[in-house]
Amino acid sequence: MIKALIADDHPIMREGLKLFLVCNMDIEVEEASSGSEAVEYVRSHPNDLDIVILDISMPGMDGLETLRVLKDIAPQLPVLILSAYSEDQYALRALRSGANGYLMKTSATEELVEAVERIVEGGTYLSPSIAHRITSQLRGEDQPPHHILSEREFEVMRKIASGKTLTQISQELNLSIKTVSTYRSRILEKMKFRDNADITQYALRHGLLSDAV
């Protein structure tokens, strides 16, 4: 039997995914309502899980940040990212952060069982709707301008664009304000931005904002 953990801040979504999986495969499902809960569960049960199914858009510790922490705790634990966003950059960032798969929520009922089985068996899974575009991104083709940012710089940029203050960002990412300020300066320099307004306008144009930041 497969042992899975679903991390999503929406109870109805968690219950729906759990019910669908239990009805369609031999699986036992645990639940977490946030990234921090998922991290604590994995810390407490480091060898009990076969896969984590992780929503990319959660308040506080979002999916990408949670993914990075999980990979630090349990590098071999497979993680499938669920997302409502089809933008290439989210899938690419997730893969580079160690995700074993990226599945669109809109197609979860058709593809979820196949994705879980493939990942648990040691493979990877990408929603066909974005697989071709992600392959091009990984080959270095048609990269968006913010591709030059590091993972942390990208994360800080999204939070600035969402209206978070440097103090709020430092608290959420457990960094000093000075460090966050340094990341902001690097973002402005690399992207040729003048101020936070430029960051916000760019993020809006490129679909980088979500309720998770």
Protein backbone atom coordinates (compact mmCIF):
# COMPACT_ATOMS: atom_id res chain seq x y z
CA MET A 1 0.00 0.00 0.00
CA ILE A 2 1.18 3.51 -0.87
CA LYS A 3 1.38 6.02 2.00
CA ALA A 4 0.82 9.64 0.94
CA LEU A 5 0.58 13.06 2.56
CA ILE A 6 -1.62 15.72 0.96
CA ALA A 7 -0.75 19.30 1.90
CA ASP A 8 -3.34 21.89 0.87
CA ASP A 9 -4.89 24.76 2.80
CA HIS A 10 -8.37 24.11 1.35
CA PRO A 11 -10.19 21.31 3.28
CA ILE A 12 -12.56 20.58 0.40
CA MET A 13 -9.66 20.13 -2.02
CA ARG A 14 -7.82 17.85 0.41
CA GLU A 15 -10.92 15.74 0.99
CA GLY A 16 -11.67 15.54 -2.73
CA LEU A 17 -8.16 14.44 -3.61
CA LYS A 18 -8.08 11.94 -0.76
CA LEU A 19 -11.43 10.44 -1.74
CA PHE A 20 -10.42 10.18 -5.38
CA LEU A 21 -7.14 8.45 -4.57
CA VAL A 22 -8.62 6.02 -2.05
CA CYS A 23 -11.34 5.04 -4.52
CA ASN A 24 -8.93 4.46 -7.38
CA MET A 25 -5.81 2.90 -5.91
CA ASP A 26 -4.40 1.07 -2.90
CA ILE A 27 -3.35 4.06 -0.84
CA GLU A 28 -3.47 5.51 2.67
CA VAL A 29 -3.63 9.31 2.87
CA GLU A 30 -2.63 11.69 5.65
CA GLU A 31 -3.45 15.41 5.52
CA ALA A 32 -1.72 18.72 6.28
CA SER A 33 -3.40 22.11 6.05
CA SER A 34 -0.21 24.14 5.54
CA GLY A 35 3.38 23.92 4.49
CA SER A 36 4.56 24.07 8.09
CA GLU A 37 2.26 21.16 9.03
CA ALA A 38 3.66 19.14 6.14
CA VAL A 39 7.20 19.84 7.28
CA GLU A 40 6.42 18.84 10.86
CA TYR A 41 4.74 15.61 9.72
CA VAL A 42 7.74 14.62 7.61
CA ARG A 43 10.11 15.47 10.47
CA SER A 44 8.06 13.25 12.80
CA HIS A 45 7.60 10.43 10.25
CA PRO A 46 10.73 10.54 8.08
CA ASN A 47 10.40 6.99 6.78
CA ASP A 48 6.64 6.50 6.71
CA LEU A 49 5.74 8.22 3.45
CA ASP A 50 6.02 7.17 -0.18
CA ILE A 51 4.99 10.54 -1.62
CA VAL A 52 3.95 14.08 -0.67
CA ILE A 53 1.29 15.79 -2.79
CA LEU A 54 1.90 19.48 -2.26
CA ASP A 55 -0.18 22.50 -3.27
CA ILE A 56 2.05 25.25 -4.64
CA SER A 57 -0.26 28.03 -3.43
CA MET A 58 -0.55 28.16 0.35
CA PRO A 59 -0.41 31.11 2.75
CA GLY A 60 2.68 31.54 4.91
CA MET A 61 5.15 28.89 3.78
CA ASP A 62 4.14 28.38 0.16
CA GLY A 63 4.64 25.25 -1.90
CA LEU A 64 8.05 26.06 -3.32
CA GLU A 65 9.46 27.00 0.07
CA THR A 66 7.91 23.90 1.65
CA LEU A 67 9.38 21.77 -1.12
CA ARG A 68 12.88 23.04 -0.44
CA VAL A 69 12.56 22.36 3.29
CA LEU A 70 11.17 18.87 2.67
CA LYS A 71 14.08 18.08 0.37
CA ASP A 72 16.50 19.17 3.10
CA ILE A 73 14.77 16.91 5.63
CA ALA A 74 14.14 13.90 3.37
CA PRO A 75 16.02 14.25 0.06
CA GLN A 76 14.73 10.94 -1.31
CA LEU A 77 11.06 11.57 -0.50
CA PRO A 78 9.15 12.08 -3.79
CA VAL A 79 7.06 15.25 -4.05
CA LEU A 80 4.30 15.94 -6.55
CA ILE A 81 3.37 19.61 -6.93
CA LEU A 82 -0.27 20.51 -7.58
CA SER A 83 -0.88 23.92 -9.10
CA ALA A 84 -3.67 26.07 -10.45
CA TYR A 85 -1.06 27.99 -12.44
CA SER A 86 0.07 26.85 -15.88
CA GLU A 87 2.90 29.37 -16.17
CA ASP A 88 6.14 27.67 -17.11
CA GLN A 89 8.20 29.41 -14.45
CA TYR A 90 6.37 27.75 -11.56
CA ALA A 91 6.90 24.25 -12.94
CA LEU A 92 10.51 25.00 -13.81
CA ARG A 93 11.25 26.39 -10.35
CA ALA A 94 9.56 23.38 -8.75
CA LEU A 95 11.62 20.92 -10.78
CA ARG A 96 14.83 22.75 -10.00
CA SER A 97 13.92 22.70 -6.31
CA GLY A 98 13.61 18.92 -6.37
CA ALA A 99 9.98 18.19 -7.29
CA ASN A 100 9.36 14.84 -8.95
CA GLY A 101 6.26 16.02 -10.76
CA TYR A 102 4.04 18.99 -11.55
CA LEU A 103 0.33 18.51 -12.13
CA MET A 104 -2.34 21.04 -12.98
CA LYS A 105 -5.31 20.99 -10.60
CA THR A 106 -7.66 21.33 -13.55
CA SER A 107 -6.57 17.91 -14.79
CA ALA A 108 -5.93 16.26 -11.42
CA THR A 109 -8.84 13.82 -11.61
CA GLU A 110 -7.71 12.51 -14.99
CA GLU A 111 -4.00 12.35 -14.26
CA LEU A 112 -3.52 12.10 -10.49
CA VAL A 113 -3.43 8.31 -10.17
CA GLU A 114 -1.01 7.97 -13.07
CA ALA A 115 1.18 10.74 -11.65
CA VAL A 116 1.33 9.19 -8.18
CA GLU A 117 2.07 5.69 -9.49
CA ARG A 118 4.78 6.89 -11.83
CA ILE A 119 6.50 9.02 -9.18
CA VAL A 120 6.34 6.33 -6.48
CA GLU A 121 7.94 3.92 -8.96
CA GLY A 122 10.85 6.33 -9.35
CA GLY A 123 9.77 8.30 -12.39
CA THR A 124 8.67 11.88 -12.97
CA TYR A 125 5.40 13.35 -14.17
CA LEU A 126 4.49 16.60 -15.91
CA SER A 127 1.05 17.63 -17.09
CA PRO A 128 1.13 17.18 -20.87
CA SER A 129 -0.22 20.71 -21.27
CA ILE A 130 3.06 22.18 -20.02
CA ALA A 131 5.58 19.36 -20.62
CA HIS A 132 6.72 20.65 -24.01
CA ARG A 133 7.17 24.21 -22.79
CA ILE A 134 9.07 23.07 -19.70
CA THR A 135 11.40 20.95 -21.84
CA SER A 136 12.18 24.04 -23.88
CA GLN A 137 12.84 26.00 -20.69
CA LEU A 138 15.20 23.33 -19.35
CA ARG A 139 17.09 23.43 -22.64
CA GLY A 140 17.52 27.16 -22.22
CA GLU A 141 15.08 28.19 -24.96
CA ASP A 142 12.73 31.16 -24.63
CA GLN A 143 13.68 31.89 -21.03
CA PRO A 144 11.78 34.76 -19.37
CA PRO A 145 13.87 37.70 -18.07
CA HIS A 146 13.44 36.73 -14.42
CA HIS A 147 15.14 33.41 -15.15
CA ILE A 148 18.41 35.12 -14.20
CA LEU A 149 17.24 35.45 -10.58
CA SER A 150 18.22 32.90 -7.97
CA GLU A 151 15.49 30.87 -6.30
CA ARG A 152 15.55 33.10 -3.21
CA GLU A 153 15.63 36.30 -5.27
CA PHE A 154 12.63 35.08 -7.25
CA GLU A 155 10.81 34.31 -4.02
CA VAL A 156 11.56 37.74 -2.55
CA MET A 157 10.53 39.43 -5.80
CA ARG A 158 7.13 37.76 -5.71
CA LYS A 159 6.58 38.77 -2.11
CA ILE A 160 7.57 42.39 -2.79
CA ALA A 161 5.22 42.43 -5.78
CA SER A 162 2.38 41.19 -3.58
CA GLY A 163 2.81 44.22 -1.31
CA LYS A 164 4.74 42.65 1.55
CA THR A 165 7.12 44.89 3.50
CA LEU A 166 10.74 43.94 4.07
CA THR A 167 9.88 43.23 7.70
CA GLN A 168 7.04 40.89 6.74
CA ILE A 169 9.24 39.11 4.22
CA SER A 170 12.04 38.69 6.74
CA GLN A 171 9.61 37.13 9.22
CA GLU A 172 8.04 34.79 6.66
CA LEU A 173 11.39 33.61 5.27
CA ASN A 174 13.20 33.64 8.62
CA LEU A 175 15.83 36.04 7.28
CA SER A 176 17.22 39.29 8.65
CA ILE A 177 15.84 42.54 7.23
CA LYS A 178 19.36 43.35 6.03
CA THR A 179 19.50 40.11 4.06
CA VAL A 180 16.08 40.73 2.49
CA SER A 181 17.18 44.26 1.61
CA THR A 182 20.26 42.81 -0.09
CA TYR A 183 18.07 40.46 -2.13
CA ARG A 184 15.90 43.42 -3.14
CA SER A 185 18.96 45.36 -4.29
CA ARG A 186 20.12 42.41 -6.37
CA ILE A 187 16.68 42.09 -7.96
CA LEU A 188 16.62 45.79 -8.90
CA GLU A 189 20.12 45.55 -10.35
CA LYS A 190 19.67 42.33 -12.30
CA MET A 191 16.25 43.23 -13.70
CA LYS A 192 17.08 46.90 -14.33
CA PHE A 193 14.19 48.01 -12.11
CA ARG A 194 14.01 51.40 -10.43
CA ASP A 195 11.74 50.58 -7.50
CA ASN A 196 9.07 48.29 -6.06
CA ALA A 197 6.49 49.62 -8.51
CA ASP A 198 8.56 48.24 -11.40
CA ILE A 199 8.75 44.89 -9.62
CA THR A 200 4.97 44.79 -9.16
CA GLN A 201 4.24 45.79 -12.77
CA TYR A 202 6.60 43.13 -14.09
CA ALA A 203 5.11 40.44 -11.84
CA LEU A 204 1.60 41.31 -12.99
CA ARG A 205 2.56 41.23 -16.67
CA HIS A 206 4.19 37.83 -16.31
CA GLY A 207 1.58 36.21 -14.07
CA LEU A 208 3.92 35.77 -11.11
CA LEU A 209 1.47 36.73 -8.38
CA SER A 210 -0.68 34.31 -6.42
CA ASP A 211 -2.45 34.26 -3.07
CA ALA A 212 0.50 32.29 -1.71
CA VAL A 213 2.87 35.23 -1.64
